[in-house]
Amino acid sequence: MADVDSQFLRGLFDEEGSLHTAGRTALYRLYGLEGLLYVGISIAPLTRVRTHLREQPWASQVVGIRIEYPDDAEAAEREAVWSERPKYNVIFNGETPPAPPDRAARLRTELALERRRLEELESTVPESSAHLRLIARGIKAKQAKITKLVENIENIENIENIATVGNTEAARHQVPNRSKRVGS
């Protein structure tokens, strides 16, 4: 391999062998001989895949990996799991009901998921200084997203409360139609 090629390849990975993601969240797919096994997202996809390969009972079935960097990895993950039906995903794969249709409930579901992911990031033991920087960046991003979700939920609930109070007040002040028919 040419020196330029090896330098390029080394530049793709940090000292622990994880892909440099520049803070972006990756969507990864794990394949077995019979098809798609698992879909997930991570800011350190190779580290996360190694964890799956060490801890999951289905790890020996993995024969291939595909990694992408979509703009909205979480939405892409939901869509991939929902449409591709990986064998070992539980969330979004029919065993857990889809997100409720009203916006506030969807945001509360997303908020719970973000809080869980933040806890995972906060409990991660860094393997290197580069990994630590990625974890810190991920924690800040999750905290910002959680704050935004809480604000959105509060705004929606306030609007819904105002609309409910407004409808109640309007109904209370509505005068029943007492017109008399002419010719009776």
Protein backbone atom coordinates (compact mmCIF):
# COMPACT_ATOMS: atom_id res chain seq x y z
CA MET A 1 0.00 0.00 0.00
CA ALA A 2 1.30 3.43 -0.87
CA ASP A 3 2.41 5.63 1.99
CA VAL A 4 -0.25 8.23 1.09
CA ASP A 5 -2.96 5.53 1.28
CA SER A 6 -1.80 4.31 4.70
CA GLN A 7 -1.58 7.90 6.00
CA PHE A 8 -5.11 8.53 4.76
CA LEU A 9 -6.41 5.35 6.39
CA ARG A 10 -4.62 6.08 9.68
CA GLY A 11 -6.14 9.57 9.61
CA LEU A 12 -9.63 8.08 9.60
CA PHE A 13 -9.13 6.47 13.01
CA ASP A 14 -8.15 7.71 16.45
CA GLU A 15 -5.47 5.98 18.54
CA GLU A 16 -8.04 3.48 19.85
CA GLY A 17 -9.14 2.46 16.37
CA SER A 18 -12.46 4.32 16.38
CA LEU A 19 -13.53 6.25 13.33
CA HIS A 20 -13.14 10.02 13.65
CA THR A 21 -16.70 11.30 13.50
CA ALA A 22 -16.12 15.01 14.14
CA GLY A 23 -18.96 14.90 16.65
CA ARG A 24 -21.44 13.48 14.13
CA THR A 25 -23.61 10.53 15.02
CA ALA A 26 -23.17 7.45 12.85
CA LEU A 27 -25.87 4.99 11.83
CA TYR A 28 -24.49 1.46 11.75
CA ARG A 29 -25.94 -1.82 10.55
CA LEU A 30 -24.71 -5.28 11.57
CA TYR A 31 -25.35 -8.09 9.10
CA GLY A 32 -25.42 -11.86 9.42
CA LEU A 33 -25.55 -14.54 6.75
CA GLU A 34 -29.35 -14.44 6.81
CA GLY A 35 -29.68 -10.65 6.66
CA LEU A 36 -29.82 -7.59 8.88
CA LEU A 37 -29.22 -8.34 12.57
CA TYR A 38 -29.10 -4.92 14.23
CA VAL A 39 -29.27 -1.18 13.53
CA GLY A 40 -27.92 1.41 15.95
CA ILE A 41 -26.43 4.88 16.27
CA SER A 42 -23.29 6.07 18.02
CA ILE A 43 -20.73 8.86 18.01
CA ALA A 44 -18.06 6.12 18.22
CA PRO A 45 -19.49 3.44 15.93
CA LEU A 46 -16.57 1.00 15.91
CA THR A 47 -16.30 1.16 19.69
CA ARG A 48 -20.03 0.50 19.93
CA VAL A 49 -19.81 -2.40 17.47
CA ARG A 50 -16.94 -3.89 19.51
CA THR A 51 -19.20 -3.68 22.58
CA HIS A 52 -21.95 -5.54 20.74
CA LEU A 53 -19.46 -8.17 19.63
CA ARG A 54 -18.28 -8.67 23.23
CA GLU A 55 -21.65 -8.55 24.99
CA GLN A 56 -24.48 -9.69 22.73
CA PRO A 57 -25.45 -13.37 22.46
CA TRP A 58 -25.89 -12.92 18.71
CA ALA A 59 -22.36 -11.51 18.20
CA SER A 60 -21.07 -14.69 16.54
CA GLN A 61 -23.63 -14.22 13.76
CA VAL A 62 -22.17 -10.85 12.63
CA VAL A 63 -20.36 -11.08 9.30
CA GLY A 64 -20.61 -7.51 8.02
CA ILE A 65 -20.94 -3.89 9.11
CA ARG A 66 -22.13 -0.79 7.25
CA ILE A 67 -21.64 2.72 8.68
CA GLU A 68 -23.31 5.91 7.40
CA TYR A 69 -23.48 9.51 8.63
CA PRO A 70 -27.00 10.80 7.92
CA ASP A 71 -27.98 14.36 8.83
CA ASP A 72 -30.52 13.12 11.40
CA ALA A 73 -29.13 9.80 12.65
CA GLU A 74 -31.91 9.24 15.17
CA ALA A 75 -34.66 9.64 12.57
CA ALA A 76 -32.66 7.47 10.16
CA GLU A 77 -32.32 4.79 12.86
CA ARG A 78 -36.08 4.79 13.53
CA GLU A 79 -36.82 4.58 9.82
CA ALA A 80 -34.25 1.83 9.20
CA VAL A 81 -35.48 -0.32 12.09
CA TRP A 82 -39.11 0.27 11.19
CA SER A 83 -38.70 -0.50 7.48
CA GLU A 84 -35.83 -3.04 7.45
CA ARG A 85 -36.86 -5.02 10.58
CA PRO A 86 -33.45 -6.10 11.93
CA LYS A 87 -33.69 -9.36 13.85
CA TYR A 88 -32.38 -8.14 17.22
CA ASN A 89 -33.71 -4.57 17.53
CA VAL A 90 -36.53 -4.28 20.03
CA ILE A 91 -37.24 -0.54 20.11
CA PHE A 92 -39.17 0.66 17.01
CA ASN A 93 -39.40 -2.92 15.72
CA GLY A 94 -42.96 -3.81 16.53
CA GLU A 95 -42.45 -5.06 20.10
CA THR A 96 -42.58 -1.50 21.37
CA PRO A 97 -45.52 0.49 20.01
CA PRO A 98 -44.74 3.33 17.60
CA ALA A 99 -44.60 6.87 18.91
CA PRO A 100 -48.02 8.31 19.80
CA PRO A 101 -49.52 10.60 17.18
CA ASP A 102 -49.80 13.82 19.19
CA ARG A 103 -46.73 16.05 19.10
CA ALA A 104 -46.27 16.54 22.86
CA ALA A 105 -46.40 12.77 23.50
CA ARG A 106 -43.90 12.16 20.66
CA LEU A 107 -41.57 14.75 22.14
CA ARG A 108 -41.90 13.20 25.63
CA THR A 109 -40.97 9.81 24.13
CA GLU A 110 -37.99 11.39 22.37
CA LEU A 111 -37.04 13.18 25.62
CA ALA A 112 -36.99 9.86 27.52
CA LEU A 113 -34.80 8.34 24.80
CA GLU A 114 -32.41 11.33 24.85
CA ARG A 115 -32.11 11.16 28.64
CA ARG A 116 -31.28 7.45 28.39
CA ARG A 117 -28.63 8.15 25.75
CA LEU A 118 -27.20 10.96 27.90
CA GLU A 119 -26.92 8.54 30.84
CA GLU A 120 -25.09 6.08 28.56
CA LEU A 121 -22.67 8.79 27.44
CA GLU A 122 -22.07 9.98 31.00
CA SER A 123 -21.35 6.43 32.18
CA THR A 124 -18.94 5.66 29.31
CA VAL A 125 -15.35 5.11 30.35
CA PRO A 126 -13.11 6.91 27.86
CA GLU A 127 -10.55 4.76 26.13
CA SER A 128 -8.37 7.68 25.01
CA SER A 129 -8.19 11.46 25.09
CA ALA A 130 -9.81 11.59 21.63
CA HIS A 131 -12.59 9.32 22.87
CA LEU A 132 -13.01 11.55 25.94
CA ARG A 133 -13.40 14.61 23.70
CA LEU A 134 -16.03 12.78 21.62
CA ILE A 135 -17.91 11.73 24.76
CA ALA A 136 -17.80 15.30 26.16
CA ARG A 137 -19.05 16.67 22.83
CA GLY A 138 -21.80 14.06 22.77
CA ILE A 139 -22.85 14.91 26.34
CA LYS A 140 -23.07 18.63 25.51
CA ALA A 141 -25.09 17.89 22.37
CA LYS A 142 -27.50 15.63 24.28
CA GLN A 143 -27.90 18.21 27.07
CA ALA A 144 -28.71 20.89 24.49
CA LYS A 145 -31.17 18.60 22.72
CA ILE A 146 -32.86 17.68 26.03
CA THR A 147 -33.20 21.37 26.94
CA LYS A 148 -34.73 22.10 23.52
CA LEU A 149 -37.15 19.15 23.83
CA VAL A 150 -38.27 20.27 27.30
CA GLU A 151 -38.87 23.80 25.95
CA ASN A 152 -40.83 22.43 22.96
CA ILE A 153 -42.96 20.21 25.21
CA GLU A 154 -43.70 23.12 27.57
CA ASN A 155 -44.62 25.38 24.62
CA ILE A 156 -46.96 22.77 23.12
CA GLU A 157 -48.58 22.06 26.48
CA ASN A 158 -49.04 25.81 27.11
CA ILE A 159 -50.66 26.26 23.69
CA GLU A 160 -52.91 23.24 24.30
CA ASN A 161 -53.88 24.60 27.75
CA ILE A 162 -54.68 28.03 26.31
CA ALA A 163 -56.78 26.43 23.55
CA THR A 164 -58.62 24.26 26.10
CA VAL A 165 -59.31 27.23 28.40
CA GLY A 166 -60.38 29.33 25.41
CA ASN A 167 -62.80 26.64 24.21
CA THR A 168 -64.23 26.24 27.72
CA GLU A 169 -64.73 30.00 28.07
CA ALA A 170 -66.31 30.27 24.63
CA ALA A 171 -68.70 27.40 25.40
CA ARG A 172 -69.66 28.99 28.72
CA HIS A 173 -70.51 32.33 27.07
CA GLN A 174 -72.31 30.85 24.11
CA VAL A 175 -75.96 31.87 24.03
CA PRO A 176 -78.35 29.12 22.94
CA ASN A 177 -80.31 29.84 19.76
CA ARG A 178 -83.84 30.87 20.89
CA SER A 179 -85.23 32.17 17.67
CA LYS A 180 -88.89 31.59 17.10
CA ARG A 181 -90.23 30.16 13.92
CA VAL A 182 -92.42 32.52 12.04
CA GLY A 183 -95.91 31.22 11.30
CA SER A 184 -96.31 28.85 14.23
